[in-house]
Amino acid sequence: MCPGWASERGLSMAPAPSRYGWVGDVEVDLDSGQVRALVVPGRLRLFGLLGREEDRVFPWEAVRRFGADTILVETPPLSRLGKGN
């Protein structure tokens, strides 16, 4: 099946799944108690000697399903510098 086959018939192909890592933090609105985003820490660069990549932030609206060891999100993450920035 060629890549153009789906687009010619009006079908949308989902992007390939990616593994971003473990959820390291949750952003919560303290006034309402609602979760606003899930934060995945950036990967270590050169075993941590060169710091980390930017944190990845997934807005709560992008979360689609929770599994035993997987969280499915619909949009790519927003980048954010590490905590304190």
PDB file of N, CA and C in Angstrom:
ATOM      1  N   MET A   1       0.850  -1.166   0.000  1.00  0.00           N
ATOM      2  CA  MET A   1       0.000   0.000   0.000  1.00  0.00           C
ATOM      3  C   MET A   1       0.900   1.236   0.000  1.00  0.00           C
ATOM      4  N   CYS A   2       0.668   2.154  -0.904  1.00  0.00           N
ATOM      5  CA  CYS A   2       1.508   3.347  -0.993  1.00  0.00           C
ATOM      6  C   CYS A   2       1.032   4.411  -0.014  1.00  0.00           C
ATOM      7  N   PRO A   3       1.911   5.333   0.431  1.00  0.00           N
ATOM      8  CA  PRO A   3       1.540   6.345   1.411  1.00  0.00           C
ATOM      9  C   PRO A   3       0.394   7.247   0.955  1.00  0.00           C
ATOM     10  N   GLY A   4       0.272   7.515  -0.344  1.00  0.00           N
ATOM     11  CA  GLY A   4      -0.781   8.392  -0.825  1.00  0.00           C
ATOM     12  C   GLY A   4      -2.150   7.739  -0.862  1.00  0.00           C
ATOM     13  N   TRP A   5      -2.214   6.422  -0.690  1.00  0.00           N
ATOM     14  CA  TRP A   5      -3.471   5.701  -0.787  1.00  0.00           C
ATOM     15  C   TRP A   5      -4.502   6.228   0.196  1.00  0.00           C
ATOM     16  N   ALA A   6      -4.128   6.419   1.449  1.00  0.00           N
ATOM     17  CA  ALA A   6      -5.083   6.856   2.467  1.00  0.00           C
ATOM     18  C   ALA A   6      -5.562   8.276   2.211  1.00  0.00           C
ATOM     19  N   SER A   7      -4.655   9.171   1.834  1.00  0.00           N
ATOM     20  CA  SER A   7      -5.053  10.555   1.628  1.00  0.00           C
ATOM     21  C   SER A   7      -5.957  10.696   0.414  1.00  0.00           C
ATOM     22  N   GLU A   8      -5.782   9.840  -0.588  1.00  0.00           N
ATOM     23  CA  GLU A   8      -6.639   9.886  -1.765  1.00  0.00           C
ATOM     24  C   GLU A   8      -8.068   9.491  -1.427  1.00  0.00           C
ATOM     25  N   ARG A   9      -8.269   8.720  -0.406  1.00  0.00           N
ATOM     26  CA  ARG A   9      -9.597   8.248  -0.031  1.00  0.00           C
ATOM     27  C   ARG A   9     -10.176   8.989   1.170  1.00  0.00           C
ATOM     28  N   GLY A  10      -9.545  10.069   1.577  1.00  0.00           N
ATOM     29  CA  GLY A  10     -10.064  10.879   2.676  1.00  0.00           C
ATOM     30  C   GLY A  10      -9.819  10.307   4.052  1.00  0.00           C
ATOM     31  N   LEU A  11      -8.914   9.340   4.183  1.00  0.00           N
ATOM     32  CA  LEU A  11      -8.599   8.767   5.482  1.00  0.00           C
ATOM     33  C   LEU A  11      -7.413   9.500   6.079  1.00  0.00           C
ATOM     34  N   SER A  12      -7.405   9.634   7.373  1.00  0.00           N
ATOM     35  CA  SER A  12      -6.249  10.263   8.010  1.00  0.00           C
ATOM     36  C   SER A  12      -5.426   9.182   8.700  1.00  0.00           C
ATOM     37  N   MET A  13      -4.154   9.256   8.512  1.00  0.00           N
ATOM     38  CA  MET A  13      -3.247   8.298   9.132  1.00  0.00           C
ATOM     39  C   MET A  13      -2.729   8.907  10.429  1.00  0.00           C
ATOM     40  N   ALA A  14      -2.811   8.168  11.518  1.00  0.00           N
ATOM     41  CA  ALA A  14      -2.288   8.640  12.793  1.00  0.00           C
ATOM     42  C   ALA A  14      -0.767   8.612  12.743  1.00  0.00           C
ATOM     43  N   PRO A  15      -0.110   9.601  13.381  1.00  0.00           N
ATOM     44  CA  PRO A  15       1.352   9.567  13.403  1.00  0.00           C
ATOM     45  C   PRO A  15       1.848   8.371  14.215  1.00  0.00           C
ATOM     46  N   ALA A  16       3.071   7.991  13.947  1.00  0.00           N
ATOM     47  CA  ALA A  16       3.657   6.867  14.668  1.00  0.00           C
ATOM     48  C   ALA A  16       3.737   7.192  16.158  1.00  0.00           C
ATOM     49  N   PRO A  17       3.437   6.234  17.021  1.00  0.00           N
ATOM     50  CA  PRO A  17       3.496   6.500  18.457  1.00  0.00           C
ATOM     51  C   PRO A  17       4.926   6.760  18.915  1.00  0.00           C
ATOM     52  N   SER A  18       5.056   7.586  19.929  1.00  0.00           N
ATOM     53  CA  SER A  18       6.362   7.905  20.495  1.00  0.00           C
ATOM     54  C   SER A  18       6.328   7.683  21.992  1.00  0.00           C
ATOM     55  N   ARG A  19       7.455   7.294  22.519  1.00  0.00           N
ATOM     56  CA  ARG A  19       7.565   7.160  23.970  1.00  0.00           C
ATOM     57  C   ARG A  19       8.376   8.342  24.470  1.00  0.00           C
ATOM     58  N   TYR A  20       7.792   9.133  25.338  1.00  0.00           N
ATOM     59  CA  TYR A  20       8.446  10.334  25.845  1.00  0.00           C
ATOM     60  C   TYR A  20       9.097  10.114  27.200  1.00  0.00           C
ATOM     61  N   GLY A  21       8.654   9.121  27.951  1.00  0.00           N
ATOM     62  CA  GLY A  21       9.227   8.857  29.262  1.00  0.00           C
ATOM     63  C   GLY A  21       8.143   8.814  30.322  1.00  0.00           C
ATOM     64  N   TRP A  22       8.570   8.919  31.557  1.00  0.00           N
ATOM     65  CA  TRP A  22       7.661   8.838  32.695  1.00  0.00           C
ATOM     66  C   TRP A  22       7.135  10.219  33.061  1.00  0.00           C
ATOM     67  N   VAL A  23       5.908  10.274  33.544  1.00  0.00           N
ATOM     68  CA  VAL A  23       5.353  11.532  34.042  1.00  0.00           C
ATOM     69  C   VAL A  23       6.069  11.865  35.334  1.00  0.00           C
ATOM     70  N   GLY A  24       6.725  13.025  35.357  1.00  0.00           N
ATOM     71  CA  GLY A  24       7.496  13.413  36.528  1.00  0.00           C
ATOM     72  C   GLY A  24       6.801  14.450  37.387  1.00  0.00           C
ATOM     73  N   ASP A  25       5.800  15.128  36.822  1.00  0.00           N
ATOM     74  CA  ASP A  25       5.124  16.192  37.560  1.00  0.00           C
ATOM     75  C   ASP A  25       3.748  16.412  36.953  1.00  0.00           C
ATOM     76  N   VAL A  26       2.892  17.017  37.726  1.00  0.00           N
ATOM     77  CA  VAL A  26       1.541  17.353  37.286  1.00  0.00           C
ATOM     78  C   VAL A  26       1.294  18.810  37.651  1.00  0.00           C
ATOM     79  N   GLU A  27       0.791  19.581  36.696  1.00  0.00           N
ATOM     80  CA  GLU A  27       0.423  20.965  36.983  1.00  0.00           C
ATOM     81  C   GLU A  27      -1.044  20.987  37.384  1.00  0.00           C
ATOM     82  N   VAL A  28      -1.320  21.571  38.550  1.00  0.00           N
ATOM     83  CA  VAL A  28      -2.673  21.595  39.095  1.00  0.00           C
ATOM     84  C   VAL A  28      -3.076  23.039  39.370  1.00  0.00           C
ATOM     85  N   ASP A  29      -4.317  23.386  39.023  1.00  0.00           N
ATOM     86  CA  ASP A  29      -4.882  24.683  39.388  1.00  0.00           C
ATOM     87  C   ASP A  29      -5.316  24.575  40.848  1.00  0.00           C
ATOM     88  N   LEU A  30      -4.632  25.275  41.729  1.00  0.00           N
ATOM     89  CA  LEU A  30      -4.903  25.139  43.162  1.00  0.00           C
ATOM     90  C   LEU A  30      -6.261  25.692  43.564  1.00  0.00           C
ATOM     91  N   ASP A  31      -6.791  26.637  42.815  1.00  0.00           N
ATOM     92  CA  ASP A  31      -8.105  27.188  43.144  1.00  0.00           C
ATOM     93  C   ASP A  31      -9.228  26.194  42.857  1.00  0.00           C
ATOM     94  N   SER A  32      -9.156  25.529  41.713  1.00  0.00           N
ATOM     95  CA  SER A  32     -10.238  24.616  41.336  1.00  0.00           C
ATOM     96  C   SER A  32      -9.902  23.149  41.621  1.00  0.00           C
ATOM     97  N   GLY A  33      -8.611  22.829  41.815  1.00  0.00           N
ATOM     98  CA  GLY A  33      -8.202  21.457  42.052  1.00  0.00           C
ATOM     99  C   GLY A  33      -8.136  20.624  40.789  1.00  0.00           C
ATOM    100  N   GLN A  34      -8.205  21.251  39.616  1.00  0.00           N
ATOM    101  CA  GLN A  34      -8.175  20.526  38.352  1.00  0.00           C
ATOM    102  C   GLN A  34      -6.744  20.376  37.841  1.00  0.00           C
ATOM    103  N   VAL A  35      -6.482  19.226  37.236  1.00  0.00           N
ATOM    104  CA  VAL A  35      -5.187  18.990  36.605  1.00  0.00           C
ATOM    105  C   VAL A  35      -5.145  19.796  35.318  1.00  0.00           C
ATOM    106  N   ARG A  36      -4.059  20.538  35.100  1.00  0.00           N
ATOM    107  CA  ARG A  36      -3.898  21.361  33.897  1.00  0.00           C
ATOM    108  C   ARG A  36      -2.960  20.728  32.875  1.00  0.00           C
ATOM    109  N   ALA A  37      -1.934  20.000  33.333  1.00  0.00           N
ATOM    110  CA  ALA A  37      -0.970  19.423  32.400  1.00  0.00           C
ATOM    111  C   ALA A  37      -0.167  18.317  33.072  1.00  0.00           C
ATOM    112  N   LEU A  38       0.370  17.422  32.236  1.00  0.00           N
ATOM    113  CA  LEU A  38       1.319  16.404  32.676  1.00  0.00           C
ATOM    114  C   LEU A  38       2.695  16.826  32.176  1.00  0.00           C
ATOM    115  N   VAL A  39       3.711  16.691  33.026  1.00  0.00           N
ATOM    116  CA  VAL A  39       5.062  17.115  32.672  1.00  0.00           C
ATOM    117  C   VAL A  39       5.976  15.896  32.673  1.00  0.00           C
ATOM    118  N   VAL A  40       6.671  15.705  31.545  1.00  0.00           N
ATOM    119  CA  VAL A  40       7.651  14.626  31.409  1.00  0.00           C
ATOM    120  C   VAL A  40       9.031  15.275  31.378  1.00  0.00           C
ATOM    121  N   PRO A  41       9.918  14.920  32.321  1.00  0.00           N
ATOM    122  CA  PRO A  41      11.257  15.528  32.334  1.00  0.00           C
ATOM    123  C   PRO A  41      12.023  15.220  31.059  1.00  0.00           C
ATOM    124  N   GLY A  42      12.847  16.172  30.638  1.00  0.00           N
ATOM    125  CA  GLY A  42      13.681  15.977  29.450  1.00  0.00           C
ATOM    126  C   GLY A  42      14.720  14.900  29.676  1.00  0.00           C
ATOM    127  N   ARG A  43      15.170  14.309  28.589  1.00  0.00           N
ATOM    128  CA  ARG A  43      16.185  13.255  28.671  1.00  0.00           C
ATOM    129  C   ARG A  43      17.543  13.832  29.048  1.00  0.00           C
ATOM    130  N   LEU A  44      18.342  13.010  29.708  1.00  0.00           N
ATOM    131  CA  LEU A  44      19.704  13.415  30.068  1.00  0.00           C
ATOM    132  C   LEU A  44      20.558  13.504  28.814  1.00  0.00           C
ATOM    133  N   ARG A  45      21.429  14.492  28.775  1.00  0.00           N
ATOM    134  CA  ARG A  45      22.381  14.612  27.668  1.00  0.00           C
ATOM    135  C   ARG A  45      23.757  14.189  28.170  1.00  0.00           C
ATOM    136  N   LEU A  46      24.356  13.250  27.489  1.00  0.00           N
ATOM    137  CA  LEU A  46      25.661  12.704  27.848  1.00  0.00           C
ATOM    138  C   LEU A  46      25.707  12.303  29.326  1.00  0.00           C
ATOM    139  N   PHE A  47      24.802  11.408  29.685  1.00  0.00           N
ATOM    140  CA  PHE A  47      24.709  10.855  31.041  1.00  0.00           C
ATOM    141  C   PHE A  47      24.501  11.921  32.109  1.00  0.00           C
ATOM    142  N   GLY A  48      23.910  13.043  31.740  1.00  0.00           N
ATOM    143  CA  GLY A  48      23.632  14.106  32.692  1.00  0.00           C
ATOM    144  C   GLY A  48      24.750  15.123  32.845  1.00  0.00           C
ATOM    145  N   LEU A  49      25.901  14.855  32.234  1.00  0.00           N
ATOM    146  CA  LEU A  49      27.028  15.790  32.346  1.00  0.00           C
ATOM    147  C   LEU A  49      26.735  17.106  31.632  1.00  0.00           C
ATOM    148  N   LEU A  50      25.917  17.067  30.588  1.00  0.00           N
ATOM    149  CA  LEU A  50      25.567  18.274  29.834  1.00  0.00           C
ATOM    150  C   LEU A  50      24.148  18.745  30.136  1.00  0.00           C
ATOM    151  N   GLY A  51      23.617  18.310  31.267  1.00  0.00           N
ATOM    152  CA  GLY A  51      22.276  18.731  31.653  1.00  0.00           C
ATOM    153  C   GLY A  51      21.197  17.874  31.023  1.00  0.00           C
ATOM    154  N   ARG A  52      20.023  18.474  30.866  1.00  0.00           N
ATOM    155  CA  ARG A  52      18.865  17.772  30.326  1.00  0.00           C
ATOM    156  C   ARG A  52      18.313  18.511  29.123  1.00  0.00           C
ATOM    157  N   GLU A  53      17.529  17.778  28.331  1.00  0.00           N
ATOM    158  CA  GLU A  53      16.729  18.423  27.297  1.00  0.00           C
ATOM    159  C   GLU A  53      15.575  19.145  27.990  1.00  0.00           C
ATOM    160  N   GLU A  54      14.810  19.912  27.227  1.00  0.00           N
ATOM    161  CA  GLU A  54      13.670  20.627  27.801  1.00  0.00           C
ATOM    162  C   GLU A  54      12.602  19.639  28.259  1.00  0.00           C
ATOM    163  N   ASP A  55      11.873  20.012  29.317  1.00  0.00           N
ATOM    164  CA  ASP A  55      10.736  19.214  29.759  1.00  0.00           C
ATOM    165  C   ASP A  55       9.671  19.243  28.680  1.00  0.00           C
ATOM    166  N   ARG A  56       8.874  18.188  28.631  1.00  0.00           N
ATOM    167  CA  ARG A  56       7.745  18.130  27.691  1.00  0.00           C
ATOM    168  C   ARG A  56       6.461  18.270  28.490  1.00  0.00           C
ATOM    169  N   VAL A  57       5.608  19.181  28.076  1.00  0.00           N
ATOM    170  CA  VAL A  57       4.365  19.459  28.785  1.00  0.00           C
ATOM    171  C   VAL A  57       3.200  19.050  27.895  1.00  0.00           C
ATOM    172  N   PHE A  58       2.340  18.186  28.421  1.00  0.00           N
ATOM    173  CA  PHE A  58       1.154  17.742  27.698  1.00  0.00           C
ATOM    174  C   PHE A  58      -0.077  18.367  28.352  1.00  0.00           C
ATOM    175  N   PRO A  59      -0.786  19.246  27.666  1.00  0.00           N
ATOM    176  CA  PRO A  59      -2.004  19.831  28.247  1.00  0.00           C
ATOM    177  C   PRO A  59      -3.016  18.733  28.578  1.00  0.00           C
ATOM    178  N   TRP A  60      -3.757  18.922  29.646  1.00  0.00           N
ATOM    179  CA  TRP A  60      -4.726  17.925  30.075  1.00  0.00           C
ATOM    180  C   TRP A  60      -5.749  17.626  28.978  1.00  0.00           C
ATOM    181  N   GLU A  61      -6.080  18.619  28.167  1.00  0.00           N
ATOM    182  CA  GLU A  61      -7.066  18.437  27.096  1.00  0.00           C
ATOM    183  C   GLU A  61      -6.575  17.436  26.042  1.00  0.00           C
ATOM    184  N   ALA A  62      -5.258  17.215  25.967  1.00  0.00           N
ATOM    185  CA  ALA A  62      -4.697  16.296  24.981  1.00  0.00           C
ATOM    186  C   ALA A  62      -4.726  14.843  25.452  1.00  0.00           C
ATOM    187  N   VAL A  63      -4.955  14.601  26.740  1.00  0.00           N
ATOM    188  CA  VAL A  63      -4.966  13.243  27.277  1.00  0.00           C
ATOM    189  C   VAL A  63      -6.243  12.544  26.813  1.00  0.00           C
ATOM    190  N   ARG A  64      -6.080  11.354  26.220  1.00  0.00           N
ATOM    191  CA  ARG A  64      -7.233  10.607  25.703  1.00  0.00           C
ATOM    192  C   ARG A  64      -7.563   9.377  26.539  1.00  0.00           C
ATOM    193  N   ARG A  65      -6.569   8.626  26.957  1.00  0.00           N
ATOM    194  CA  ARG A  65      -6.825   7.400  27.722  1.00  0.00           C
ATOM    195  C   ARG A  65      -5.673   7.108  28.675  1.00  0.00           C
ATOM    196  N   PHE A  66      -6.038   6.465  29.784  1.00  0.00           N
ATOM    197  CA  PHE A  66      -5.060   5.972  30.742  1.00  0.00           C
ATOM    198  C   PHE A  66      -5.081   4.455  30.712  1.00  0.00           C
ATOM    199  N   GLY A  67      -3.905   3.853  30.703  1.00  0.00           N
ATOM    200  CA  GLY A  67      -3.791   2.407  30.808  1.00  0.00           C
ATOM    201  C   GLY A  67      -2.969   2.062  32.030  1.00  0.00           C
ATOM    202  N   ALA A  68      -2.689   0.780  32.211  1.00  0.00           N
ATOM    203  CA  ALA A  68      -1.916   0.339  33.370  1.00  0.00           C
ATOM    204  C   ALA A  68      -0.516   0.954  33.383  1.00  0.00           C
ATOM    205  N   ASP A  69       0.103   1.092  32.218  1.00  0.00           N
ATOM    206  CA  ASP A  69       1.450   1.661  32.157  1.00  0.00           C
ATOM    207  C   ASP A  69       1.621   2.620  30.982  1.00  0.00           C
ATOM    208  N   THR A  70       0.511   3.107  30.428  1.00  0.00           N
ATOM    209  CA  THR A  70       0.565   3.983  29.267  1.00  0.00           C
ATOM    210  C   THR A  70      -0.486   5.080  29.381  1.00  0.00           C
ATOM    211  N   ILE A  71      -0.126   6.257  28.934  1.00  0.00           N
ATOM    212  CA  ILE A  71      -1.079   7.362  28.814  1.00  0.00           C
ATOM    213  C   ILE A  71      -1.065   7.786  27.355  1.00  0.00           C
ATOM    214  N   LEU A  72      -2.216   7.783  26.717  1.00  0.00           N
ATOM    215  CA  LEU A  72      -2.306   8.191  25.317  1.00  0.00           C
ATOM    216  C   LEU A  72      -2.675   9.660  25.236  1.00  0.00           C
ATOM    217  N   VAL A  73      -1.896  10.414  24.475  1.00  0.00           N
ATOM    218  CA  VAL A  73      -2.179  11.829  24.244  1.00  0.00           C
ATOM    219  C   VAL A  73      -2.307  12.060  22.747  1.00  0.00           C
ATOM    220  N   GLU A  74      -3.087  13.071  22.375  1.00  0.00           N
ATOM    221  CA  GLU A  74      -3.376  13.282  20.968  1.00  0.00           C
ATOM    222  C   GLU A  74      -2.451  14.275  20.288  1.00  0.00           C
ATOM    223  N   THR A  75      -1.866  15.191  21.006  1.00  0.00           N
ATOM    224  CA  THR A  75      -1.045  16.229  20.387  1.00  0.00           C
ATOM    225  C   THR A  75       0.404  16.091  20.799  1.00  0.00           C
ATOM    226  N   PRO A  76       1.324  16.647  20.013  1.00  0.00           N
ATOM    227  CA  PRO A  76       2.728  16.650  20.441  1.00  0.00           C
ATOM    228  C   PRO A  76       2.886  17.547  21.667  1.00  0.00           C
ATOM    229  N   PRO A  77       3.909  17.280  22.475  1.00  0.00           N
ATOM    230  CA  PRO A  77       4.085  18.061  23.703  1.00  0.00           C
ATOM    231  C   PRO A  77       4.589  19.463  23.421  1.00  0.00           C
ATOM    232  N   LEU A  78       4.310  20.357  24.355  1.00  0.00           N
ATOM    233  CA  LEU A  78       4.904  21.683  24.346  1.00  0.00           C
ATOM    234  C   LEU A  78       6.224  21.577  25.088  1.00  0.00           C
ATOM    235  N   SER A  79       7.249  22.250  24.625  1.00  0.00           N
ATOM    236  CA  SER A  79       8.543  22.213  25.305  1.00  0.00           C
ATOM    237  C   SER A  79       8.584  23.289  26.368  1.00  0.00           C
ATOM    238  N   ARG A  80       9.323  23.009  27.412  1.00  0.00           N
ATOM    239  CA  ARG A  80       9.495  23.956  28.508  1.00  0.00           C
ATOM    240  C   ARG A  80      10.845  23.692  29.136  1.00  0.00           C
ATOM    241  N   LEU A  81      11.531  24.746  29.506  1.00  0.00           N
ATOM    242  CA  LEU A  81      12.805  24.550  30.197  1.00  0.00           C
ATOM    243  C   LEU A  81      12.548  23.910  31.533  1.00  0.00           C
ATOM    244  N   GLY A  82      13.573  23.329  32.107  1.00  0.00           N
ATOM    245  CA  GLY A  82      13.444  22.632  33.391  1.00  0.00           C
ATOM    246  C   GLY A  82      12.835  23.487  34.471  1.00  0.00           C
ATOM    247  N   LYS A  83      12.513  22.865  35.592  1.00  0.00           N
ATOM    248  CA  LYS A  83      11.879  23.552  36.707  1.00  0.00           C
ATOM    249  C   LYS A  83      12.664  24.786  37.109  1.00  0.00           C
ATOM    250  N   GLY A  84      11.915  25.821  37.466  1.00  0.00           N
ATOM    251  CA  GLY A  84      12.546  27.057  37.907  1.00  0.00           C
ATOM    252  C   GLY A  84      12.778  28.049  36.788  1.00  0.00           C
ATOM    253  N   ASN A  85      12.491  27.687  35.536  1.00  0.00           N
ATOM    254  CA  ASN A  85      12.672  28.600  34.411  1.00  0.00           C
ATOM    255  C   ASN A  85      11.351  29.035  33.862  1.00  0.00           C
TER     256      ASN A  85
END
